[in-house]
Amino acid sequence: MAQGLLFDLTDPQLKQDPYPIFKALRDAEPMHFSPLGFWVATRYEDVRAVLMDRTNFGQGDFLSNIRLFYGPHFDVLSHSAYRWLSEIFLYQDPPRHTRVRGLVTQALTARRVIEMRPRVQAIADRLLDAVTDEGRMELIHQFAYRFPTLVMCDMLGLSAEETSDEVLSALNQAISDSFVVFEMRAFSDAELGLANRQMDFLMDFFGAVFAERRRTPRDDLATALCNARDEHGPLTDHEMATVAIGLFGAGFETTAHMIGNGLLSLAKFPEQWAKLVANPGLAESATEEILRYESSLVGTNRTAFTDTEVGGKIVRAGERVLTLVAAGNRDPAIFTDPDRFDIERKGPKHLSFGGGIHFCVGAELARLEGEIALTSLVTRFPTLEIDVASADWRQEGFMFRGLSKLDVSW
């Protein structure tokens, strides 16, 4: 280990500005074995190699991974939040992963996403209509959180009555409280108890949605999931609810933060905002640069199946690797002037949607939402003022990076 070099998940600097820490690791020891008991990969090529390697790396044994934090006798599956996490295809290896992901992609097709564009635009317009006359808004709660949440509700076919402000707030809070288990650390009894109760609420909520679609099919994603099937049959009601929570939560945790992180980045580089105002057609490439420069997903874990060399180090079978995609996205060996935010950047692709068999199934929807959000904001409010001083980075966990507050005015 490089002298004095430690990766500490409790370091408050990781919440405020992790990039100097990532750079120090990448420069001194890009494959770093943390005293916390896992490898930390920070170079683009090492991160990509681990994510793309389905032979030597995968999710591994879920129960063993969780017991690393609690001890060998911890009853993982007695906790609703962990039971859900063990069942979502993101944390499964083939063949279970292959079957469920295949059925999900049958329902969440590229065509369905393309056809959603007018409805996604209408949702953005409705949210911005509600605040236009006020001349200001707190971007995160009034737009960034609500926008992807409403898009996913619309895709699932939920009615206006089913997506009241009260319901949306309850769903968003439940996602926030229960998704802490993605952090892969030990939780207090109070934290885990809350996560379990909120996951129970989500399973009941989405279970009722799919039960209704079986009775009354519609032209929506919920019905498409009900109809998806392979040689082993359709998804069970429980599997569908598990998938819906994953899709819903991914939009909330990553797309919402992408919007907030993007506006803050544009404020810090005002010449880039001016470019976007002059040419809103740059919204698509701006979305990609936001995903690279200030990734909502900071990292993801993999387990080695065999002894494997990565970045000149041997990762032993059973050891965990934290692949820091946000660090890889700022690797100067891959990206020219990586700490500069440039909405016209060309060249290599970022790592924010992961890679290999676990590449984000909702990537195209996230891209569409990012493009429409930016285009709508820049065309409606070209003189938008973003209060950088109001920006407050969320303190809940490490894996998802985003703001809890950002004031804007026009």
Protein backbone atom coordinates (compact mmCIF):
# COMPACT_ATOMS: atom_id res chain seq x y z
CA MET A 1 0.00 0.00 0.00
CA ALA A 2 1.26 3.48 -0.83
CA GLN A 3 2.51 5.25 2.29
CA GLY A 4 -0.29 7.12 4.06
CA LEU A 5 -2.85 6.26 1.38
CA LEU A 6 -6.19 5.09 2.74
CA PHE A 7 -9.64 4.76 1.25
CA ASP A 8 -12.12 5.52 4.01
CA LEU A 9 -15.84 5.49 3.20
CA THR A 10 -16.52 7.68 6.24
CA ASP A 11 -14.28 10.52 4.99
CA PRO A 12 -16.59 13.57 4.64
CA GLN A 13 -14.49 14.76 1.70
CA LEU A 14 -15.93 11.89 -0.35
CA LYS A 15 -19.34 13.57 -0.13
CA GLN A 16 -18.18 17.11 -0.88
CA ASP A 17 -15.55 16.53 -3.57
CA PRO A 18 -14.21 13.00 -4.01
CA TYR A 19 -12.13 13.71 -7.10
CA PRO A 20 -8.87 14.77 -5.39
CA ILE A 21 -9.02 11.52 -3.41
CA PHE A 22 -9.69 9.54 -6.56
CA LYS A 23 -6.77 11.26 -8.31
CA ALA A 24 -4.41 10.52 -5.43
CA LEU A 25 -5.38 6.85 -5.53
CA ARG A 26 -5.15 6.68 -9.32
CA ASP A 27 -1.71 8.32 -9.34
CA ALA A 28 -0.18 6.41 -6.44
CA GLU A 29 -1.90 3.02 -6.35
CA PRO A 30 -4.68 2.59 -8.94
CA MET A 31 -5.48 -0.93 -7.68
CA HIS A 32 -5.56 -0.20 -3.96
CA PHE A 33 -6.39 -2.75 -1.25
CA SER A 34 -8.34 -0.87 1.38
CA PRO A 35 -7.95 -1.65 5.09
CA LEU A 36 -11.73 -2.08 4.92
CA GLY A 37 -11.08 -5.40 3.19
CA PHE A 38 -11.71 -4.83 -0.52
CA TRP A 39 -9.92 -3.64 -3.63
CA VAL A 40 -10.53 -0.14 -5.02
CA ALA A 41 -10.08 0.36 -8.79
CA THR A 42 -9.69 3.94 -10.05
CA ARG A 43 -8.21 3.71 -13.56
CA TYR A 44 -10.60 3.68 -16.50
CA GLU A 45 -9.10 0.55 -18.07
CA ASP A 46 -9.08 -1.39 -14.78
CA VAL A 47 -12.65 -0.40 -13.95
CA ARG A 48 -13.82 -1.30 -17.45
CA ALA A 49 -11.89 -4.59 -17.43
CA VAL A 50 -13.59 -5.74 -14.23
CA LEU A 51 -17.07 -4.65 -15.34
CA MET A 52 -16.75 -6.31 -18.75
CA ASP A 53 -15.24 -9.59 -17.51
CA ARG A 54 -18.13 -12.03 -17.03
CA THR A 55 -15.77 -15.01 -16.72
CA ASN A 56 -13.65 -13.92 -13.78
CA PHE A 57 -15.93 -11.39 -12.06
CA GLY A 58 -19.56 -11.20 -11.07
CA GLN A 59 -21.81 -10.50 -8.12
CA GLY A 60 -20.78 -13.64 -6.26
CA ASP A 61 -22.61 -15.14 -3.32
CA PHE A 62 -24.96 -12.46 -2.04
CA LEU A 63 -25.36 -13.88 1.46
CA SER A 64 -21.60 -14.13 1.94
CA ASN A 65 -21.12 -10.58 0.68
CA ILE A 66 -23.56 -9.16 3.23
CA ARG A 67 -22.21 -11.29 6.07
CA LEU A 68 -18.82 -9.68 5.53
CA PHE A 69 -20.31 -6.67 7.35
CA TYR A 70 -22.39 -8.42 10.02
CA GLY A 71 -20.70 -11.71 10.74
CA PRO A 72 -21.30 -15.31 9.61
CA HIS A 73 -24.55 -15.85 11.53
CA PHE A 74 -26.46 -12.79 10.31
CA ASP A 75 -29.86 -13.85 8.91
CA VAL A 76 -29.68 -11.79 5.70
CA LEU A 77 -32.95 -12.84 4.11
CA SER A 78 -35.03 -12.13 7.19
CA HIS A 79 -34.64 -8.45 6.29
CA SER A 80 -36.97 -7.25 3.53
CA ALA A 81 -34.52 -4.72 2.11
CA TYR A 82 -31.73 -7.30 1.76
CA ARG A 83 -34.14 -9.93 0.46
CA TRP A 84 -35.20 -7.53 -2.30
CA LEU A 85 -31.57 -6.71 -3.09
CA SER A 86 -30.77 -10.42 -3.37
CA GLU A 87 -33.60 -10.87 -5.87
CA ILE A 88 -33.08 -7.89 -8.18
CA PHE A 89 -31.26 -9.03 -11.32
CA LEU A 90 -28.59 -6.36 -10.81
CA TYR A 91 -27.19 -8.48 -7.96
CA GLN A 92 -27.55 -11.85 -9.65
CA ASP A 93 -25.24 -13.83 -11.90
CA PRO A 94 -26.33 -16.03 -14.83
CA PRO A 95 -28.53 -17.95 -15.28
CA ARG A 96 -30.97 -16.12 -12.95
CA HIS A 97 -29.73 -12.74 -14.14
CA THR A 98 -30.06 -13.74 -17.79
CA ARG A 99 -33.67 -14.86 -17.48
CA VAL A 100 -35.04 -11.88 -15.55
CA ARG A 101 -33.07 -9.25 -17.49
CA GLY A 102 -34.19 -10.84 -20.76
CA LEU A 103 -37.84 -10.62 -19.74
CA VAL A 104 -37.43 -7.01 -18.59
CA THR A 105 -35.87 -6.00 -21.91
CA GLN A 106 -38.82 -7.63 -23.69
CA ALA A 107 -41.01 -5.06 -21.95
CA LEU A 108 -38.70 -2.03 -21.75
CA THR A 109 -37.87 -1.90 -25.45
CA ALA A 110 -36.06 0.86 -27.32
CA ARG A 111 -39.25 1.44 -29.27
CA ARG A 112 -41.24 1.97 -26.06
CA VAL A 113 -38.69 4.54 -24.88
CA ILE A 114 -38.75 6.37 -28.23
CA GLU A 115 -42.54 6.45 -28.21
CA MET A 116 -42.43 7.95 -24.70
CA ARG A 117 -40.75 11.18 -25.89
CA PRO A 118 -43.95 13.29 -26.24
CA ARG A 119 -45.21 12.13 -22.86
CA VAL A 120 -41.85 12.75 -21.17
CA GLN A 121 -41.83 16.25 -22.67
CA ALA A 122 -45.38 16.84 -21.43
CA ILE A 123 -44.36 15.86 -17.90
CA ALA A 124 -41.40 18.27 -17.98
CA ASP A 125 -43.65 21.03 -19.30
CA ARG A 126 -46.26 20.43 -16.62
CA LEU A 127 -43.70 20.63 -13.82
CA LEU A 128 -42.14 23.80 -15.19
CA ASP A 129 -45.56 25.40 -15.87
CA ALA A 130 -46.29 25.06 -12.17
CA VAL A 131 -43.30 27.20 -11.15
CA THR A 132 -42.77 29.60 -14.08
CA ASP A 133 -44.67 32.52 -12.58
CA GLU A 134 -42.88 32.15 -9.25
CA GLY A 135 -39.55 33.10 -10.80
CA ARG A 136 -37.65 30.57 -8.71
CA MET A 137 -37.64 27.01 -7.49
CA GLU A 138 -35.64 24.60 -5.39
CA LEU A 139 -34.58 22.46 -8.34
CA ILE A 140 -33.99 19.13 -6.60
CA HIS A 141 -37.37 18.65 -4.91
CA GLN A 142 -39.57 20.67 -7.26
CA PHE A 143 -38.22 19.26 -10.50
CA ALA A 144 -35.28 16.82 -10.43
CA TYR A 145 -36.89 14.28 -8.08
CA ARG A 146 -40.40 14.61 -9.44
CA PHE A 147 -39.56 14.42 -13.15
CA PRO A 148 -38.14 10.85 -13.42
CA THR A 149 -40.60 9.65 -10.78
CA LEU A 150 -43.56 10.86 -12.84
CA VAL A 151 -42.04 9.43 -16.03
CA MET A 152 -41.76 5.98 -14.48
CA CYS A 153 -45.28 6.23 -13.04
CA ASP A 154 -46.54 7.14 -16.50
CA MET A 155 -44.69 4.21 -18.07
CA LEU A 156 -46.26 1.86 -15.54
CA GLY A 157 -49.66 3.28 -16.40
CA LEU A 158 -50.45 4.86 -13.04
CA SER A 159 -53.32 7.34 -13.16
CA ALA A 160 -53.26 10.95 -11.96
CA GLU A 161 -55.10 9.85 -8.81
CA GLU A 162 -52.43 7.21 -8.16
CA THR A 163 -49.63 9.77 -8.52
CA SER A 164 -50.82 12.53 -6.19
CA ASP A 165 -48.21 14.64 -4.43
CA GLU A 166 -48.77 12.58 -1.30
CA VAL A 167 -48.18 9.29 -3.14
CA LEU A 168 -45.11 10.58 -4.96
CA SER A 169 -43.59 11.85 -1.73
CA ALA A 170 -44.25 8.52 -0.02
CA LEU A 171 -42.69 6.57 -2.92
CA ASN A 172 -39.62 8.81 -3.10
CA GLN A 173 -39.09 8.65 0.65
CA ALA A 174 -39.48 4.88 0.64
CA ILE A 175 -36.91 4.54 -2.15
CA SER A 176 -34.49 6.83 -0.31
CA ASP A 177 -34.90 4.99 3.00
CA SER A 178 -34.70 1.46 1.60
CA PHE A 179 -32.00 1.94 -1.04
CA VAL A 180 -29.40 2.63 1.66
CA VAL A 181 -28.65 -1.10 1.48
CA PHE A 182 -26.85 -0.45 -1.81
CA GLU A 183 -24.11 1.12 0.28
CA MET A 184 -22.80 -2.30 1.34
CA ARG A 185 -21.96 -1.56 4.97
CA ALA A 186 -23.30 -2.51 8.37
CA PHE A 187 -26.42 -0.63 9.43
CA SER A 188 -27.83 0.07 12.86
CA ASP A 189 -30.99 -1.73 13.93
CA ALA A 190 -32.92 1.53 13.47
CA GLU A 191 -31.59 2.13 9.95
CA LEU A 192 -32.22 -1.43 8.83
CA GLY A 193 -35.65 -1.52 10.48
CA LEU A 194 -36.70 1.59 8.55
CA ALA A 195 -35.31 0.17 5.30
CA ASN A 196 -37.28 -3.03 5.83
CA ARG A 197 -40.57 -1.24 6.56
CA GLN A 198 -40.19 0.98 3.51
CA MET A 199 -39.36 -1.99 1.29
CA ASP A 200 -42.47 -3.77 2.54
CA PHE A 201 -44.47 -0.67 1.57
CA LEU A 202 -42.94 -0.63 -1.92
CA MET A 203 -43.56 -4.35 -2.49
CA ASP A 204 -47.20 -3.94 -1.45
CA PHE A 205 -47.64 -0.82 -3.62
CA PHE A 206 -46.20 -2.30 -6.81
CA GLY A 207 -47.72 -5.70 -6.11
CA ALA A 208 -51.14 -4.04 -6.18
CA VAL A 209 -50.27 -2.33 -9.50
CA PHE A 210 -49.48 -5.65 -11.19
CA ALA A 211 -52.50 -7.39 -9.68
CA GLU A 212 -54.67 -4.65 -11.22
CA ARG A 213 -52.97 -5.02 -14.63
CA ARG A 214 -53.68 -8.74 -14.66
CA ARG A 215 -57.35 -7.90 -14.18
CA THR A 216 -57.37 -4.92 -16.55
CA PRO A 217 -54.54 -4.92 -19.11
CA ARG A 218 -53.48 -1.60 -20.65
CA ASP A 219 -50.90 -0.34 -23.11
CA ASP A 220 -48.23 0.31 -20.49
CA LEU A 221 -45.00 -1.10 -19.08
CA ALA A 222 -46.78 -2.85 -16.21
CA THR A 223 -48.92 -4.85 -18.66
CA ALA A 224 -45.89 -5.50 -20.88
CA LEU A 225 -44.07 -6.97 -17.87
CA CYS A 226 -47.12 -9.13 -17.14
CA ASN A 227 -47.06 -10.41 -20.73
CA ALA A 228 -43.29 -11.02 -21.01
CA ARG A 229 -42.39 -14.71 -21.02
CA ASP A 230 -39.72 -17.15 -22.07
CA GLU A 231 -39.45 -20.95 -22.18
CA HIS A 232 -39.70 -20.99 -18.38
CA GLY A 233 -42.87 -18.91 -18.36
CA PRO A 234 -43.67 -15.32 -17.29
CA LEU A 235 -42.32 -13.30 -14.40
CA THR A 236 -44.08 -13.99 -11.11
CA ASP A 237 -45.98 -11.19 -9.37
CA HIS A 238 -43.18 -11.02 -6.82
CA GLU A 239 -40.50 -10.80 -9.54
CA MET A 240 -42.41 -8.02 -11.30
CA ALA A 241 -42.72 -5.98 -8.11
CA THR A 242 -39.01 -6.51 -7.47
CA VAL A 243 -38.17 -5.29 -10.99
CA ALA A 244 -40.51 -2.29 -10.78
CA ILE A 245 -38.89 -1.10 -7.55
CA GLY A 246 -35.48 -1.39 -9.20
CA LEU A 247 -36.54 0.59 -12.27
CA PHE A 248 -38.36 3.18 -10.20
CA GLY A 249 -35.46 3.57 -7.81
CA ALA A 250 -32.86 3.81 -10.57
CA GLY A 251 -34.73 6.75 -12.06
CA PHE A 252 -35.05 8.41 -8.69
CA GLU A 253 -31.49 7.91 -7.47
CA THR A 254 -29.56 8.38 -10.71
CA THR A 255 -31.62 10.41 -13.19
CA ALA A 256 -32.71 12.91 -10.55
CA HIS A 257 -29.12 13.39 -9.43
CA MET A 258 -27.97 13.65 -13.04
CA ILE A 259 -30.23 16.68 -13.49
CA GLY A 260 -29.07 18.38 -10.30
CA ASN A 261 -25.40 17.57 -10.87
CA GLY A 262 -25.72 18.81 -14.44
CA LEU A 263 -27.18 22.18 -13.53
CA LEU A 264 -24.50 22.71 -10.89
CA SER A 265 -21.78 21.81 -13.41
CA LEU A 266 -23.24 24.25 -15.93
CA ALA A 267 -23.21 26.94 -13.25
CA LYS A 268 -19.55 26.30 -12.49
CA PHE A 269 -18.72 26.52 -16.20
CA PRO A 270 -20.96 29.41 -17.35
CA GLU A 271 -19.51 29.40 -20.86
CA GLN A 272 -21.01 25.91 -21.26
CA TRP A 273 -24.44 27.19 -20.20
CA ALA A 274 -24.07 29.95 -22.80
CA LYS A 275 -23.27 27.32 -25.45
CA LEU A 276 -26.40 25.39 -24.51
CA VAL A 277 -28.57 28.52 -24.60
CA ALA A 278 -27.23 29.36 -28.05
CA ASN A 279 -27.72 25.79 -29.29
CA PRO A 280 -30.22 23.67 -27.29
CA GLY A 281 -29.48 20.87 -29.75
CA LEU A 282 -26.36 20.24 -27.65
CA ALA A 283 -28.56 18.84 -24.85
CA GLU A 284 -27.87 15.26 -25.93
CA SER A 285 -24.09 15.60 -25.80
CA ALA A 286 -24.39 17.74 -22.65
CA THR A 287 -26.19 14.85 -20.97
CA GLU A 288 -23.31 12.52 -21.82
CA GLU A 289 -20.78 14.99 -20.44
CA ILE A 290 -22.78 15.36 -17.20
CA LEU A 291 -22.76 11.58 -16.85
CA ARG A 292 -18.98 11.56 -17.31
CA TYR A 293 -18.02 14.64 -15.34
CA GLU A 294 -20.31 14.26 -12.31
CA SER A 295 -21.62 10.70 -12.36
CA SER A 296 -24.64 9.96 -10.17
CA LEU A 297 -23.30 6.43 -9.70
CA VAL A 298 -19.93 6.65 -7.97
CA GLY A 299 -19.05 2.97 -7.96
CA THR A 300 -20.24 -0.60 -8.03
CA ASN A 301 -18.91 -3.85 -6.59
CA ARG A 302 -17.79 -7.10 -8.18
CA THR A 303 -16.52 -10.39 -6.70
CA ALA A 304 -13.64 -12.36 -8.22
CA PHE A 305 -14.53 -15.92 -9.19
CA THR A 306 -10.89 -16.88 -9.82
CA ASP A 307 -7.47 -15.42 -9.05
CA THR A 308 -7.25 -12.66 -11.66
CA GLU A 309 -4.68 -9.99 -12.48
CA VAL A 310 -6.04 -6.46 -12.68
CA GLY A 311 -3.79 -3.44 -13.05
CA GLY A 312 -0.72 -5.44 -12.10
CA LYS A 313 -2.25 -6.81 -8.87
CA ILE A 314 -3.66 -10.26 -8.19
CA VAL A 315 -7.25 -10.23 -6.99
CA ARG A 316 -7.85 -13.54 -5.23
CA ALA A 317 -10.99 -15.62 -5.73
CA GLY A 318 -13.69 -14.38 -3.38
CA GLU A 319 -12.23 -10.90 -2.94
CA ARG A 320 -14.37 -7.86 -3.69
CA VAL A 321 -13.49 -4.99 -6.03
CA LEU A 322 -15.10 -1.56 -5.73
CA THR A 323 -14.95 -0.21 -9.27
CA LEU A 324 -15.05 3.57 -9.01
CA VAL A 325 -16.68 4.54 -12.29
CA ALA A 326 -16.60 8.22 -11.26
CA ALA A 327 -12.81 7.97 -10.91
CA GLY A 328 -12.46 6.19 -14.25
CA ASN A 329 -14.51 8.95 -15.88
CA ARG A 330 -11.83 11.48 -14.86
CA ASP A 331 -8.81 9.37 -15.93
CA PRO A 332 -6.39 11.63 -17.87
CA ALA A 333 -5.05 8.62 -19.71
CA ILE A 334 -8.43 8.38 -21.45
CA PHE A 335 -9.99 11.85 -21.34
CA THR A 336 -8.20 15.03 -22.38
CA ASP A 337 -8.29 17.63 -19.59
CA PRO A 338 -10.71 15.40 -17.61
CA ASP A 339 -11.53 17.99 -14.93
CA ARG A 340 -12.89 20.38 -17.54
CA PHE A 341 -16.64 20.22 -18.20
CA ASP A 342 -17.19 20.38 -21.98
CA ILE A 343 -20.64 19.72 -23.42
CA GLU A 344 -19.14 19.28 -26.91
CA ARG A 345 -16.62 16.66 -25.80
CA LYS A 346 -15.91 13.87 -28.26
CA GLY A 347 -14.07 10.62 -27.82
CA PRO A 348 -14.22 7.67 -25.42
CA LYS A 349 -17.46 6.77 -23.67
CA HIS A 350 -17.99 7.24 -19.94
CA LEU A 351 -18.54 4.33 -17.55
CA SER A 352 -21.58 5.67 -15.72
CA PHE A 353 -23.97 3.03 -17.06
CA GLY A 354 -21.63 0.21 -16.08
CA GLY A 355 -20.66 -2.45 -18.55
CA GLY A 356 -20.97 -6.05 -19.61
CA ILE A 357 -24.05 -8.06 -18.73
CA HIS A 358 -24.97 -5.53 -16.04
CA PHE A 359 -25.02 -2.50 -18.36
CA CYS A 360 -27.88 -0.27 -17.18
CA VAL A 361 -31.16 -1.54 -18.65
CA GLY A 362 -32.67 1.94 -18.37
CA ALA A 363 -29.78 3.81 -20.01
CA GLU A 364 -31.77 5.03 -23.02
CA LEU A 365 -34.61 6.26 -20.84
CA ALA A 366 -32.14 8.14 -18.62
CA ARG A 367 -30.56 9.73 -21.69
CA LEU A 368 -33.97 10.79 -22.99
CA GLU A 369 -34.92 12.30 -19.63
CA GLY A 370 -31.61 14.17 -19.40
CA GLU A 371 -31.93 15.58 -22.90
CA ILE A 372 -35.54 16.72 -22.38
CA ALA A 373 -34.84 18.19 -18.94
CA LEU A 374 -31.91 20.26 -20.21
CA THR A 375 -33.67 21.37 -23.39
CA SER A 376 -36.78 22.40 -21.45
CA LEU A 377 -34.87 24.34 -18.82
CA VAL A 378 -32.56 26.14 -21.24
CA THR A 379 -35.27 27.13 -23.73
CA ARG A 380 -37.78 28.23 -21.11
CA PHE A 381 -35.32 29.95 -18.78
CA PRO A 382 -32.30 31.10 -20.87
CA THR A 383 -31.34 33.61 -18.17
CA LEU A 384 -31.54 31.00 -15.42
CA GLU A 385 -29.41 31.86 -12.40
CA ILE A 386 -28.10 28.89 -10.44
CA ASP A 387 -27.23 29.61 -6.82
CA VAL A 388 -24.02 27.61 -6.40
CA ALA A 389 -23.80 28.65 -2.74
CA SER A 390 -27.11 26.88 -2.05
CA ALA A 391 -25.83 23.55 -3.39
CA ASP A 392 -25.87 20.93 -0.67
CA TRP A 393 -24.48 17.46 -1.34
CA ARG A 394 -26.58 14.66 0.14
CA GLN A 395 -24.92 12.88 3.05
CA GLU A 396 -26.75 9.54 2.79
CA GLY A 397 -24.24 6.98 1.61
CA PHE A 398 -21.43 6.99 -0.90
CA MET A 399 -22.51 5.02 -3.98
CA PHE A 400 -24.99 7.62 -5.28
CA ARG A 401 -23.73 11.19 -5.64
CA GLY A 402 -26.23 13.99 -5.83
CA LEU A 403 -27.55 17.18 -4.33
CA SER A 404 -30.21 17.52 -1.66
CA LYS A 405 -30.72 21.22 -2.45
CA LEU A 406 -30.08 23.65 -5.32
CA ASP A 407 -31.87 26.99 -5.71
CA VAL A 408 -32.43 28.49 -9.17
CA SER A 409 -34.20 31.65 -10.32
CA TRP A 410 -35.10 33.41 -13.56
